Amino acid sequence: IKFSANVNFMDAFFTSFTARTAGFQTFEMATLEDKPVSFVIINILM
């Protein structure tokens, strides 16, 4: 997520934690439309 979504490490780790059923977000999920790798990995984590 860090390198595919181009976010800071804290946001990347936060998203990795929350994607596994918590559901919070520190950046807009709608931006994943232009970031297919992050889109796929977050779907897998969920």
ModelCIF file with pLDDT and N, C-alpha, C, O atoms, coordinates in Angstrom:
data_MODEL
#
_entry.id   MODEL 
#
_entity.id                         1 
_entity.type                       polymer 
_entity.pdbx_number_of_molecules   1 
#
_entity_poly.entity_id                      1 
_entity_poly.type                           'polypeptide(L)' 
_entity_poly.nstd_linkage                   no 
_entity_poly.nstd_monomer                   no 
_entity_poly.pdbx_seq_one_letter_code       IKFSANVNFMDAFFTSFTARTAGFQTFEMATLEDKPVSFVIINILM 
_entity_poly.pdbx_seq_one_letter_code_can   IKFSANVNFMDAFFTSFTARTAGFQTFEMATLEDKPVSFVIINILM 
_entity_poly.pdbx_strand_id                 A 
#
loop_
_entity_poly_seq.entity_id 
_entity_poly_seq.num 
_entity_poly_seq.mon_id 
_entity_poly_seq.hetero 
1 1  ILE n 
1 2  LYS n 
1 3  PHE n 
1 4  SER n 
1 5  ALA n 
1 6  ASN n 
1 7  VAL n 
1 8  ASN n 
1 9  PHE n 
1 10 MET n 
1 11 ASP n 
1 12 ALA n 
1 13 PHE n 
1 14 PHE n 
1 15 THR n 
1 16 SER n 
1 17 PHE n 
1 18 THR n 
1 19 ALA n 
1 20 ARG n 
1 21 THR n 
1 22 ALA n 
1 23 GLY n 
1 24 PHE n 
1 25 GLN n 
1 26 THR n 
1 27 PHE n 
1 28 GLU n 
1 29 MET n 
1 30 ALA n 
1 31 THR n 
1 32 LEU n 
1 33 GLU n 
1 34 ASP n 
1 35 LYS n 
1 36 PRO n 
1 37 VAL n 
1 38 SER n 
1 39 PHE n 
1 40 VAL n 
1 41 ILE n 
1 42 ILE n 
1 43 ASN n 
1 44 ILE n 
1 45 LEU n 
1 46 MET n 
#
_struct_asym.id          A 
_struct_asym.entity_id   1 
#
loop_
_ma_qa_metric.id 
_ma_qa_metric.mode 
_ma_qa_metric.name 
_ma_qa_metric.software_group_id 
_ma_qa_metric.type 
1 global pLDDT . pLDDT 
2 local  pLDDT . pLDDT 
#
_ma_qa_metric_global.metric_id      1 
_ma_qa_metric_global.metric_value   91.33 
_ma_qa_metric_global.model_id       1 
_ma_qa_metric_global.ordinal_id     1 
#
loop_
_ma_qa_metric_local.label_asym_id 
_ma_qa_metric_local.label_comp_id 
_ma_qa_metric_local.label_seq_id 
_ma_qa_metric_local.metric_id 
_ma_qa_metric_local.metric_value 
_ma_qa_metric_local.model_id 
_ma_qa_metric_local.ordinal_id 
A ILE 1  2 95.00 1 1  
A LYS 2  2 94.00 1 2  
A PHE 3  2 92.00 1 3  
A SER 4  2 91.00 1 4  
A ALA 5  2 89.00 1 5  
A ASN 6  2 88.00 1 6  
A VAL 7  2 90.00 1 7  
A ASN 8  2 92.00 1 8  
A PHE 9  2 93.00 1 9  
A MET 10 2 94.00 1 10 
A ASP 11 2 94.00 1 11 
A ALA 12 2 94.00 1 12 
A PHE 13 2 95.00 1 13 
A PHE 14 2 95.00 1 14 
A THR 15 2 94.00 1 15 
A SER 16 2 95.00 1 16 
A PHE 17 2 94.00 1 17 
A THR 18 2 94.00 1 18 
A ALA 19 2 93.00 1 19 
A ARG 20 2 86.00 1 20 
A THR 21 2 85.00 1 21 
A ALA 22 2 90.00 1 22 
A GLY 23 2 88.00 1 23 
A PHE 24 2 92.00 1 24 
A GLN 25 2 91.00 1 25 
A THR 26 2 90.00 1 26 
A PHE 27 2 87.00 1 27 
A GLU 28 2 85.00 1 28 
A MET 29 2 87.00 1 29 
A ALA 30 2 84.00 1 30 
A THR 31 2 85.00 1 31 
A LEU 32 2 86.00 1 32 
A GLU 33 2 83.00 1 33 
A ASP 34 2 86.00 1 34 
A LYS 35 2 91.00 1 35 
A PRO 36 2 92.00 1 36 
A VAL 37 2 94.00 1 37 
A SER 38 2 93.00 1 38 
A PHE 39 2 94.00 1 39 
A VAL 40 2 95.00 1 40 
A ILE 41 2 95.00 1 41 
A ILE 42 2 95.00 1 42 
A ASN 43 2 95.00 1 43 
A ILE 44 2 96.00 1 44 
A LEU 45 2 95.00 1 45 
A MET 46 2 95.00 1 46 
#
loop_
_atom_site.group_PDB 
_atom_site.id 
_atom_site.type_symbol 
_atom_site.label_atom_id 
_atom_site.label_alt_id 
_atom_site.label_comp_id 
_atom_site.label_asym_id 
_atom_site.label_entity_id 
_atom_site.label_seq_id 
_atom_site.pdbx_PDB_ins_code 
_atom_site.Cartn_x 
_atom_site.Cartn_y 
_atom_site.Cartn_z 
_atom_site.occupancy 
_atom_site.B_iso_or_equiv 
_atom_site.pdbx_formal_charge 
_atom_site.auth_seq_id 
_atom_site.auth_comp_id 
_atom_site.auth_asym_id 
_atom_site.auth_atom_id 
_atom_site.pdbx_PDB_model_num 
ATOM 1   N N  . ILE A 1 1  ? 0.837   -1.213  0.000   1.00 95.00 ? 1  ILE A N  1 
ATOM 2   C CA . ILE A 1 1  ? 0.000   0.000   0.000   1.00 95.00 ? 1  ILE A CA 1 
ATOM 3   C C  . ILE A 1 1  ? 0.864   1.253   0.000   1.00 95.00 ? 1  ILE A C  1 
ATOM 4   O O  . ILE A 1 1  ? 0.546   2.226   -0.683  1.00 95.00 ? 1  ILE A O  1 
ATOM 5   N N  . LYS A 1 2  ? 1.955   1.235   0.761   1.00 94.00 ? 2  LYS A N  1 
ATOM 6   C CA . LYS A 1 2  ? 2.858   2.380   0.838   1.00 94.00 ? 2  LYS A CA 1 
ATOM 7   C C  . LYS A 1 2  ? 3.357   2.793   -0.547  1.00 94.00 ? 2  LYS A C  1 
ATOM 8   O O  . LYS A 1 2  ? 3.296   3.970   -0.905  1.00 94.00 ? 2  LYS A O  1 
ATOM 9   N N  . PHE A 1 3  ? 3.845   1.836   -1.318  1.00 92.00 ? 3  PHE A N  1 
ATOM 10  C CA . PHE A 1 3  ? 4.472   2.160   -2.599  1.00 92.00 ? 3  PHE A CA 1 
ATOM 11  C C  . PHE A 1 3  ? 3.491   2.199   -3.765  1.00 92.00 ? 3  PHE A C  1 
ATOM 12  O O  . PHE A 1 3  ? 3.760   2.853   -4.773  1.00 92.00 ? 3  PHE A O  1 
ATOM 13  N N  . SER A 1 4  ? 2.360   1.510   -3.644  1.00 91.00 ? 4  SER A N  1 
ATOM 14  C CA . SER A 1 4  ? 1.389   1.534   -4.741  1.00 91.00 ? 4  SER A CA 1 
ATOM 15  C C  . SER A 1 4  ? 0.392   2.683   -4.616  1.00 91.00 ? 4  SER A C  1 
ATOM 16  O O  . SER A 1 4  ? -0.093  3.206   -5.619  1.00 91.00 ? 4  SER A O  1 
ATOM 17  N N  . ALA A 1 5  ? 0.091   3.072   -3.374  1.00 89.00 ? 5  ALA A N  1 
ATOM 18  C CA . ALA A 1 5  ? -0.862  4.173   -3.163  1.00 89.00 ? 5  ALA A CA 1 
ATOM 19  C C  . ALA A 1 5  ? -0.157  5.499   -2.896  1.00 89.00 ? 5  ALA A C  1 
ATOM 20  O O  . ALA A 1 5  ? -0.798  6.547   -2.833  1.00 89.00 ? 5  ALA A O  1 
ATOM 21  N N  . ASN A 1 6  ? 1.175   5.447   -2.738  1.00 88.00 ? 6  ASN A N  1 
ATOM 22  C CA . ASN A 1 6  ? 1.975   6.651   -2.503  1.00 88.00 ? 6  ASN A CA 1 
ATOM 23  C C  . ASN A 1 6  ? 1.502   7.425   -1.274  1.00 88.00 ? 6  ASN A C  1 
ATOM 24  O O  . ASN A 1 6  ? 1.232   8.624   -1.345  1.00 88.00 ? 6  ASN A O  1 
ATOM 25  N N  . VAL A 1 7  ? 1.407   6.718   -0.145  1.00 90.00 ? 7  VAL A N  1 
ATOM 26  C CA . VAL A 1 7  ? 1.030   7.342   1.125   1.00 90.00 ? 7  VAL A CA 1 
ATOM 27  C C  . VAL A 1 7  ? 2.183   7.182   2.107   1.00 90.00 ? 7  VAL A C  1 
ATOM 28  O O  . VAL A 1 7  ? 3.123   6.429   1.852   1.00 90.00 ? 7  VAL A O  1 
ATOM 29  N N  . ASN A 1 8  ? 2.109   7.891   3.229   1.00 92.00 ? 8  ASN A N  1 
ATOM 30  C CA . ASN A 1 8  ? 3.163   7.772   4.236   1.00 92.00 ? 8  ASN A CA 1 
ATOM 31  C C  . ASN A 1 8  ? 3.067   6.415   4.940   1.00 92.00 ? 8  ASN A C  1 
ATOM 32  O O  . ASN A 1 8  ? 2.044   5.736   4.853   1.00 92.00 ? 8  ASN A O  1 
ATOM 33  N N  . PHE A 1 9  ? 4.139   6.028   5.637   1.00 93.00 ? 9  PHE A N  1 
ATOM 34  C CA . PHE A 1 9  ? 4.199   4.703   6.254   1.00 93.00 ? 9  PHE A CA 1 
ATOM 35  C C  . PHE A 1 9  ? 3.124   4.502   7.323   1.00 93.00 ? 9  PHE A C  1 
ATOM 36  O O  . PHE A 1 9  ? 2.580   3.406   7.453   1.00 93.00 ? 9  PHE A O  1 
ATOM 37  N N  . MET A 1 10 ? 2.815   5.548   8.087   1.00 94.00 ? 10 MET A N  1 
ATOM 38  C CA . MET A 1 10 ? 1.793   5.420   9.131   1.00 94.00 ? 10 MET A CA 1 
ATOM 39  C C  . MET A 1 10 ? 0.434   5.131   8.510   1.00 94.00 ? 10 MET A C  1 
ATOM 40  O O  . MET A 1 10 ? -0.290  4.252   8.976   1.00 94.00 ? 10 MET A O  1 
ATOM 41  N N  . ASP A 1 11 ? 0.087   5.866   7.461   1.00 94.00 ? 11 ASP A N  1 
ATOM 42  C CA . ASP A 1 11 ? -1.190  5.635   6.779   1.00 94.00 ? 11 ASP A CA 1 
ATOM 43  C C  . ASP A 1 11 ? -1.221  4.250   6.130   1.00 94.00 ? 11 ASP A C  1 
ATOM 44  O O  . ASP A 1 11 ? -2.263  3.596   6.098   1.00 94.00 ? 11 ASP A O  1 
ATOM 45  N N  . ALA A 1 12 ? -0.070  3.809   5.613   1.00 94.00 ? 12 ALA A N  1 
ATOM 46  C CA . ALA A 1 12 ? 0.011   2.493   4.974   1.00 94.00 ? 12 ALA A CA 1 
ATOM 47  C C  . ALA A 1 12 ? -0.240  1.393   5.994   1.00 94.00 ? 12 ALA A C  1 
ATOM 48  O O  . ALA A 1 12 ? -1.003  0.462   5.735   1.00 94.00 ? 12 ALA A O  1 
ATOM 49  N N  . PHE A 1 13 ? 0.400   1.498   7.155   1.00 95.00 ? 13 PHE A N  1 
ATOM 50  C CA . PHE A 1 13 ? 0.195   0.498   8.203   1.00 95.00 ? 13 PHE A CA 1 
ATOM 51  C C  . PHE A 1 13 ? -1.222  0.573   8.763   1.00 95.00 ? 13 PHE A C  1 
ATOM 52  O O  . PHE A 1 13 ? -1.846  -0.455  9.027   1.00 95.00 ? 13 PHE A O  1 
ATOM 53  N N  . PHE A 1 14 ? -1.731  1.805   8.944   1.00 95.00 ? 14 PHE A N  1 
ATOM 54  C CA . PHE A 1 14 ? -3.089  1.982   9.455   1.00 95.00 ? 14 PHE A CA 1 
ATOM 55  C C  . PHE A 1 14 ? -4.087  1.305   8.515   1.00 95.00 ? 14 PHE A C  1 
ATOM 56  O O  . PHE A 1 14 ? -5.001  0.615   8.966   1.00 95.00 ? 14 PHE A O  1 
ATOM 57  N N  . THR A 1 15 ? -3.908  1.504   7.205   1.00 94.00 ? 15 THR A N  1 
ATOM 58  C CA . THR A 1 15 ? -4.804  0.905   6.219   1.00 94.00 ? 15 THR A CA 1 
ATOM 59  C C  . THR A 1 15 ? -4.680  -0.608  6.201   1.00 94.00 ? 15 THR A C  1 
ATOM 60  O O  . THR A 1 15 ? -5.679  -1.314  6.060   1.00 94.00 ? 15 THR A O  1 
ATOM 61  N N  . SER A 1 16 ? -3.452  -1.112  6.343   1.00 95.00 ? 16 SER A N  1 
ATOM 62  C CA . SER A 1 16 ? -3.240  -2.557  6.384   1.00 95.00 ? 16 SER A CA 1 
ATOM 63  C C  . SER A 1 16 ? -3.933  -3.180  7.590   1.00 95.00 ? 16 SER A C  1 
ATOM 64  O O  . SER A 1 16 ? -4.483  -4.277  7.493   1.00 95.00 ? 16 SER A O  1 
ATOM 65  N N  . PHE A 1 17 ? -3.908  -2.485  8.726   1.00 94.00 ? 17 PHE A N  1 
ATOM 66  C CA . PHE A 1 17 ? -4.616  -2.958  9.926   1.00 94.00 ? 17 PHE A CA 1 
ATOM 67  C C  . PHE A 1 17 ? -6.123  -2.900  9.713   1.00 94.00 ? 17 PHE A C  1 
ATOM 68  O O  . PHE A 1 17 ? -6.833  -3.880  9.941   1.00 94.00 ? 17 PHE A O  1 
ATOM 69  N N  . THR A 1 18 ? -6.600  -1.740  9.274   1.00 94.00 ? 18 THR A N  1 
ATOM 70  C CA . THR A 1 18 ? -8.045  -1.495  9.226   1.00 94.00 ? 18 THR A CA 1 
ATOM 71  C C  . THR A 1 18 ? -8.731  -2.246  8.100   1.00 94.00 ? 18 THR A C  1 
ATOM 72  O O  . THR A 1 18 ? -9.926  -2.532  8.181   1.00 94.00 ? 18 THR A O  1 
ATOM 73  N N  . ALA A 1 19 ? -7.971  -2.575  7.028   1.00 93.00 ? 19 ALA A N  1 
ATOM 74  C CA . ALA A 1 19 ? -8.572  -3.309  5.906   1.00 93.00 ? 19 ALA A CA 1 
ATOM 75  C C  . ALA A 1 19 ? -8.960  -4.720  6.306   1.00 93.00 ? 19 ALA A C  1 
ATOM 76  O O  . ALA A 1 19 ? -9.779  -5.353  5.640   1.00 93.00 ? 19 ALA A O  1 
ATOM 77  N N  . ARG A 1 20 ? -8.376  -5.219  7.392   1.00 86.00 ? 20 ARG A N  1 
ATOM 78  C CA . ARG A 1 20 ? -8.700  -6.559  7.863   1.00 86.00 ? 20 ARG A CA 1 
ATOM 79  C C  . ARG A 1 20 ? -9.862  -6.496  8.848   1.00 86.00 ? 20 ARG A C  1 
ATOM 80  O O  . ARG A 1 20 ? -9.763  -6.955  9.986   1.00 86.00 ? 20 ARG A O  1 
ATOM 81  N N  . THR A 1 21 ? -10.967 -5.915  8.381   1.00 85.00 ? 21 THR A N  1 
ATOM 82  C CA . THR A 1 21 ? -12.318 -5.868  8.955   1.00 85.00 ? 21 THR A CA 1 
ATOM 83  C C  . THR A 1 21 ? -12.636 -4.692  9.877   1.00 85.00 ? 21 THR A C  1 
ATOM 84  O O  . THR A 1 21 ? -13.738 -4.651  10.424  1.00 85.00 ? 21 THR A O  1 
ATOM 85  N N  . ALA A 1 22 ? -11.734 -3.740  10.078  1.00 90.00 ? 22 ALA A N  1 
ATOM 86  C CA . ALA A 1 22 ? -12.051 -2.612  10.965  1.00 90.00 ? 22 ALA A CA 1 
ATOM 87  C C  . ALA A 1 22 ? -12.834 -1.515  10.250  1.00 90.00 ? 22 ALA A C  1 
ATOM 88  O O  . ALA A 1 22 ? -13.837 -1.033  10.777  1.00 90.00 ? 22 ALA A O  1 
ATOM 89  N N  . GLY A 1 23 ? -12.393 -1.113  9.057   1.00 88.00 ? 23 GLY A N  1 
ATOM 90  C CA . GLY A 1 23 ? -13.188 -0.190  8.248   1.00 88.00 ? 23 GLY A CA 1 
ATOM 91  C C  . GLY A 1 23 ? -12.928 1.289   8.391   1.00 88.00 ? 23 GLY A C  1 
ATOM 92  O O  . GLY A 1 23 ? -13.634 2.087   7.776   1.00 88.00 ? 23 GLY A O  1 
ATOM 93  N N  . PHE A 1 24 ? -11.934 1.694   9.182   1.00 92.00 ? 24 PHE A N  1 
ATOM 94  C CA . PHE A 1 24 ? -11.578 3.112   9.241   1.00 92.00 ? 24 PHE A CA 1 
ATOM 95  C C  . PHE A 1 24 ? -10.684 3.449   8.053   1.00 92.00 ? 24 PHE A C  1 
ATOM 96  O O  . PHE A 1 24 ? -10.124 2.557   7.416   1.00 92.00 ? 24 PHE A O  1 
ATOM 97  N N  . GLN A 1 25 ? -10.553 4.735   7.761   1.00 91.00 ? 25 GLN A N  1 
ATOM 98  C CA . GLN A 1 25 ? -9.661  5.130   6.678   1.00 91.00 ? 25 GLN A CA 1 
ATOM 99  C C  . GLN A 1 25 ? -9.030  6.488   6.953   1.00 91.00 ? 25 GLN A C  1 
ATOM 100 O O  . GLN A 1 25 ? -9.686  7.388   7.477   1.00 91.00 ? 25 GLN A O  1 
ATOM 101 N N  . THR A 1 26 ? -7.765  6.632   6.599   1.00 90.00 ? 26 THR A N  1 
ATOM 102 C CA . THR A 1 26 ? -7.069  7.911   6.744   1.00 90.00 ? 26 THR A CA 1 
ATOM 103 C C  . THR A 1 26 ? -6.767  8.516   5.379   1.00 90.00 ? 26 THR A C  1 
ATOM 104 O O  . THR A 1 26 ? -6.105  9.549   5.283   1.00 90.00 ? 26 THR A O  1 
ATOM 105 N N  . PHE A 1 27 ? -7.257  7.866   4.319   1.00 87.00 ? 27 PHE A N  1 
ATOM 106 C CA . PHE A 1 27 ? -7.266  8.478   2.986   1.00 87.00 ? 27 PHE A CA 1 
ATOM 107 C C  . PHE A 1 27 ? -8.473  7.941   2.236   1.00 87.00 ? 27 PHE A C  1 
ATOM 108 O O  . PHE A 1 27 ? -8.951  6.846   2.531   1.00 87.00 ? 27 PHE A O  1 
ATOM 109 N N  . GLU A 1 28 ? -8.966  8.697   1.274   1.00 85.00 ? 28 GLU A N  1 
ATOM 110 C CA . GLU A 1 28 ? -10.205 8.359   0.571   1.00 85.00 ? 28 GLU A CA 1 
ATOM 111 C C  . GLU A 1 28 ? -10.043 7.075   -0.246  1.00 85.00 ? 28 GLU A C  1 
ATOM 112 O O  . GLU A 1 28 ? -9.128  6.963   -1.061  1.00 85.00 ? 28 GLU A O  1 
ATOM 113 N N  . MET A 1 29 ? -10.932 6.114   -0.021  1.00 87.00 ? 29 MET A N  1 
ATOM 114 C CA . MET A 1 29 ? -10.884 4.862   -0.754  1.00 87.00 ? 29 MET A CA 1 
ATOM 115 C C  . MET A 1 29 ? -11.219 5.055   -2.231  1.00 87.00 ? 29 MET A C  1 
ATOM 116 O O  . MET A 1 29 ? -10.823 4.243   -3.068  1.00 87.00 ? 29 MET A O  1 
ATOM 117 N N  . ALA A 1 30 ? -11.945 6.123   -2.555  1.00 84.00 ? 30 ALA A N  1 
ATOM 118 C CA . ALA A 1 30 ? -12.313 6.390   -3.944  1.00 84.00 ? 30 ALA A CA 1 
ATOM 119 C C  . ALA A 1 30 ? -11.084 6.626   -4.818  1.00 84.00 ? 30 ALA A C  1 
ATOM 120 O O  . ALA A 1 30 ? -11.138 6.441   -6.034  1.00 84.00 ? 30 ALA A O  1 
ATOM 121 N N  . THR A 1 31 ? -9.973  7.036   -4.196  1.00 85.00 ? 31 THR A N  1 
ATOM 122 C CA . THR A 1 31 ? -8.739  7.282   -4.955  1.00 85.00 ? 31 THR A CA 1 
ATOM 123 C C  . THR A 1 31 ? -8.123  5.982   -5.461  1.00 85.00 ? 31 THR A C  1 
ATOM 124 O O  . THR A 1 31 ? -7.208  6.015   -6.283  1.00 85.00 ? 31 THR A O  1 
ATOM 125 N N  . LEU A 1 32 ? -8.603  4.851   -4.988  1.00 86.00 ? 32 LEU A N  1 
ATOM 126 C CA . LEU A 1 32 ? -8.057  3.567   -5.416  1.00 86.00 ? 32 LEU A CA 1 
ATOM 127 C C  . LEU A 1 32 ? -8.399  3.240   -6.865  1.00 86.00 ? 32 LEU A C  1 
ATOM 128 O O  . LEU A 1 32 ? -7.837  2.309   -7.442  1.00 86.00 ? 32 LEU A O  1 
ATOM 129 N N  . GLU A 1 33 ? -9.324  4.007   -7.459  1.00 83.00 ? 33 GLU A N  1 
ATOM 130 C CA . GLU A 1 33 ? -9.675  3.795   -8.860  1.00 83.00 ? 33 GLU A CA 1 
ATOM 131 C C  . GLU A 1 33 ? -8.448  3.941   -9.759  1.00 83.00 ? 33 GLU A C  1 
ATOM 132 O O  . GLU A 1 33 ? -8.338  3.267   -10.783 1.00 83.00 ? 33 GLU A O  1 
ATOM 133 N N  . ASP A 1 34 ? -7.537  4.816   -9.375  1.00 86.00 ? 34 ASP A N  1 
ATOM 134 C CA . ASP A 1 34 ? -6.316  5.055   -10.160 1.00 86.00 ? 34 ASP A CA 1 
ATOM 135 C C  . ASP A 1 34 ? -5.123  4.292   -9.605  1.00 86.00 ? 34 ASP A C  1 
ATOM 136 O O  . ASP A 1 34 ? -3.997  4.474   -10.068 1.00 86.00 ? 34 ASP A O  1 
ATOM 137 N N  . LYS A 1 35 ? -5.368  3.428   -8.602  1.00 91.00 ? 35 LYS A N  1 
ATOM 138 C CA . LYS A 1 35 ? -4.286  2.671   -7.973  1.00 91.00 ? 35 LYS A CA 1 
ATOM 139 C C  . LYS A 1 35 ? -4.700  1.200   -7.878  1.00 91.00 ? 35 LYS A C  1 
ATOM 140 O O  . LYS A 1 35 ? -5.036  0.709   -6.801  1.00 91.00 ? 35 LYS A O  1 
ATOM 141 N N  . PRO A 1 36 ? -4.670  0.506   -9.015  1.00 92.00 ? 36 PRO A N  1 
ATOM 142 C CA . PRO A 1 36 ? -5.183  -0.880  -9.070  1.00 92.00 ? 36 PRO A CA 1 
ATOM 143 C C  . PRO A 1 36 ? -4.486  -1.854  -8.134  1.00 92.00 ? 36 PRO A C  1 
ATOM 144 O O  . PRO A 1 36 ? -5.123  -2.771  -7.616  1.00 92.00 ? 36 PRO A O  1 
ATOM 145 N N  . VAL A 1 37 ? -3.180  -1.673  -7.905  1.00 94.00 ? 37 VAL A N  1 
ATOM 146 C CA . VAL A 1 37 ? -2.462  -2.596  -7.020  1.00 94.00 ? 37 VAL A CA 1 
ATOM 147 C C  . VAL A 1 37 ? -2.989  -2.480  -5.591  1.00 94.00 ? 37 VAL A C  1 
ATOM 148 O O  . VAL A 1 37 ? -3.237  -3.489  -4.932  1.00 94.00 ? 37 VAL A O  1 
ATOM 149 N N  . SER A 1 38 ? -3.161  -1.240  -5.114  1.00 93.00 ? 38 SER A N  1 
ATOM 150 C CA . SER A 1 38 ? -3.718  -1.017  -3.770  1.00 93.00 ? 38 SER A CA 1 
ATOM 151 C C  . SER A 1 38 ? -5.139  -1.526  -3.682  1.00 93.00 ? 38 SER A C  1 
ATOM 152 O O  . SER A 1 38 ? -5.547  -2.087  -2.665  1.00 93.00 ? 38 SER A O  1 
ATOM 153 N N  . PHE A 1 39 ? -5.902  -1.328  -4.765  1.00 94.00 ? 39 PHE A N  1 
ATOM 154 C CA . PHE A 1 39 ? -7.283  -1.802  -4.814  1.00 94.00 ? 39 PHE A CA 1 
ATOM 155 C C  . PHE A 1 39 ? -7.343  -3.317  -4.610  1.00 94.00 ? 39 PHE A C  1 
ATOM 156 O O  . PHE A 1 39 ? -8.158  -3.817  -3.835  1.00 94.00 ? 39 PHE A O  1 
ATOM 157 N N  . VAL A 1 40 ? -6.483  -4.029  -5.306  1.00 95.00 ? 40 VAL A N  1 
ATOM 158 C CA . VAL A 1 40 ? -6.466  -5.491  -5.222  1.00 95.00 ? 40 VAL A CA 1 
ATOM 159 C C  . VAL A 1 40 ? -6.018  -5.956  -3.843  1.00 95.00 ? 40 VAL A C  1 
ATOM 160 O O  . VAL A 1 40 ? -6.646  -6.835  -3.253  1.00 95.00 ? 40 VAL A O  1 
ATOM 161 N N  . ILE A 1 41 ? -4.932  -5.372  -3.319  1.00 95.00 ? 41 ILE A N  1 
ATOM 162 C CA . ILE A 1 41 ? -4.405  -5.834  -2.024  1.00 95.00 ? 41 ILE A CA 1 
ATOM 163 C C  . ILE A 1 41 ? -5.376  -5.547  -0.893  1.00 95.00 ? 41 ILE A C  1 
ATOM 164 O O  . ILE A 1 41 ? -5.493  -6.351  0.031   1.00 95.00 ? 41 ILE A O  1 
ATOM 165 N N  . ILE A 1 42 ? -6.078  -4.414  -0.942  1.00 95.00 ? 42 ILE A N  1 
ATOM 166 C CA . ILE A 1 42 ? -7.061  -4.104  0.108   1.00 95.00 ? 42 ILE A CA 1 
ATOM 167 C C  . ILE A 1 42 ? -8.245  -5.056  0.028   1.00 95.00 ? 42 ILE A C  1 
ATOM 168 O O  . ILE A 1 42 ? -8.782  -5.465  1.058   1.00 95.00 ? 42 ILE A O  1 
ATOM 169 N N  . ASN A 1 43 ? -8.657  -5.413  -1.186  1.00 95.00 ? 43 ASN A N  1 
ATOM 170 C CA . ASN A 1 43 ? -9.727  -6.405  -1.342  1.00 95.00 ? 43 ASN A CA 1 
ATOM 171 C C  . ASN A 1 43 ? -9.309  -7.766  -0.781  1.00 95.00 ? 43 ASN A C  1 
ATOM 172 O O  . ASN A 1 43 ? -10.108 -8.457  -0.150  1.00 95.00 ? 43 ASN A O  1 
ATOM 173 N N  . ILE A 1 44 ? -8.059  -8.140  -1.017  1.00 96.00 ? 44 ILE A N  1 
ATOM 174 C CA . ILE A 1 44 ? -7.547  -9.413  -0.501  1.00 96.00 ? 44 ILE A CA 1 
ATOM 175 C C  . ILE A 1 44 ? -7.516  -9.401  1.029   1.00 96.00 ? 44 ILE A C  1 
ATOM 176 O O  . ILE A 1 44 ? -7.915  -10.368 1.677   1.00 96.00 ? 44 ILE A O  1 
ATOM 177 N N  . LEU A 1 45 ? -7.033  -8.288  1.594   1.00 95.00 ? 45 LEU A N  1 
ATOM 178 C CA . LEU A 1 45 ? -6.971  -8.158  3.052   1.00 95.00 ? 45 LEU A CA 1 
ATOM 179 C C  . LEU A 1 45 ? -8.368  -8.218  3.665   1.00 95.00 ? 45 LEU A C  1 
ATOM 180 O O  . LEU A 1 45 ? -8.570  -8.852  4.700   1.00 95.00 ? 45 LEU A O  1 
ATOM 181 N N  . MET A 1 46 ? -9.333  -7.552  3.020   1.00 95.00 ? 46 MET A N  1 
ATOM 182 C CA . MET A 1 46 ? -10.713 -7.583  3.518   1.00 95.00 ? 46 MET A CA 1 
ATOM 183 C C  . MET A 1 46 ? -11.274 -8.998  3.448   1.00 95.00 ? 46 MET A C  1 
ATOM 184 O O  . MET A 1 46 ? -12.423 -9.226  3.824   1.00 95.00 ? 46 MET A O  1 
#
